Amino acid sequence: MSAEEWLARLEAEHRDLVLTGFDRADAWQVGSALAGRALQERMPVAVDIRTPAGVLFHASLPGATADNDEWI
């Protein structure tokens, strides 16, 4: 795929992937699903969902390090 095609694809995704709303309940559902999947697959990750207003969801799973939180 050419650079122009990639750019057009990314621009289309940017246009089409707009949420009409996202609240704390949504963050809980998304974060819990991601954390649950990561636990099942024993992934040592941190999951963090935040907005300028603050942290909406955070989980630091077994094996995750302080660096994971710093990277977020």
Protein backbone atom coordinates (compact mmCIF):
# COMPACT_ATOMS: atom_id res chain seq x y z
CA MET A 1 0.00 0.00 0.00
CA SER A 2 1.37 3.39 -0.94
CA ALA A 3 1.88 6.23 1.51
CA GLU A 4 -1.03 8.09 -0.11
CA GLU A 5 -3.31 5.08 0.31
CA TRP A 6 -2.30 4.71 3.97
CA LEU A 7 -2.97 8.39 4.57
CA ALA A 8 -6.39 8.17 2.92
CA ARG A 9 -7.21 5.11 5.03
CA LEU A 10 -6.15 6.82 8.24
CA GLU A 11 -8.13 9.94 7.38
CA ALA A 12 -11.25 7.82 6.71
CA GLU A 13 -10.80 6.02 10.04
CA HIS A 14 -10.37 9.36 11.80
CA ARG A 15 -13.65 10.56 10.30
CA ASP A 16 -15.58 7.33 10.91
CA LEU A 17 -14.34 6.37 14.38
CA VAL A 18 -15.88 9.21 16.35
CA LEU A 19 -17.66 8.40 19.60
CA THR A 20 -20.93 10.21 20.18
CA GLY A 21 -20.39 9.83 23.91
CA PHE A 22 -18.10 8.18 26.43
CA ASP A 23 -18.68 8.21 30.17
CA ARG A 24 -17.43 6.43 33.29
CA ALA A 25 -19.74 3.47 32.68
CA ASP A 26 -18.33 3.07 29.17
CA ALA A 27 -14.79 3.33 30.52
CA TRP A 28 -15.58 0.62 33.09
CA GLN A 29 -16.95 -1.71 30.39
CA VAL A 30 -14.01 -1.20 28.04
CA GLY A 31 -11.38 -1.28 30.78
CA SER A 32 -12.86 -4.35 32.45
CA ALA A 33 -13.04 -6.20 29.14
CA LEU A 34 -9.42 -5.35 28.30
CA ALA A 35 -8.20 -6.25 31.79
CA GLY A 36 -10.21 -9.48 31.79
CA ARG A 37 -8.75 -10.55 28.47
CA ALA A 38 -5.25 -9.67 29.62
CA LEU A 39 -5.73 -11.69 32.82
CA GLN A 40 -6.94 -14.70 30.85
CA GLU A 41 -3.90 -14.51 28.60
CA ARG A 42 -1.55 -13.72 31.51
CA MET A 43 -0.37 -10.46 29.99
CA PRO A 44 1.65 -8.28 32.37
CA VAL A 45 0.07 -4.98 31.40
CA ALA A 46 -1.51 -1.87 32.84
CA VAL A 47 -4.81 -0.66 31.41
CA ASP A 48 -5.56 3.03 31.74
CA ILE A 49 -8.45 5.07 30.36
CA ARG A 50 -8.48 8.78 31.03
CA THR A 51 -9.77 12.09 29.79
CA PRO A 52 -8.59 15.60 30.59
CA ALA A 53 -11.07 15.45 33.50
CA GLY A 54 -9.21 12.54 35.11
CA VAL A 55 -8.67 8.79 35.29
CA LEU A 56 -11.78 6.82 34.39
CA PHE A 57 -10.29 3.31 34.70
CA HIS A 58 -6.95 1.91 35.77
CA ALA A 59 -5.73 -1.63 36.38
CA SER A 60 -2.17 -2.82 36.93
CA LEU A 61 -2.17 -6.57 36.31
CA PRO A 62 0.14 -9.22 37.76
CA GLY A 63 3.60 -8.90 36.30
CA ALA A 64 3.17 -5.26 35.33
CA THR A 65 5.89 -2.97 36.61
CA ALA A 66 6.03 0.64 37.71
CA ASP A 67 7.41 1.36 34.24
CA ASN A 68 4.06 0.34 32.75
CA ASP A 69 2.36 3.10 34.73
CA GLU A 70 5.07 5.58 33.73
CA TRP A 71 4.64 4.74 30.04
CA ILE A 72 0.92 5.39 30.28
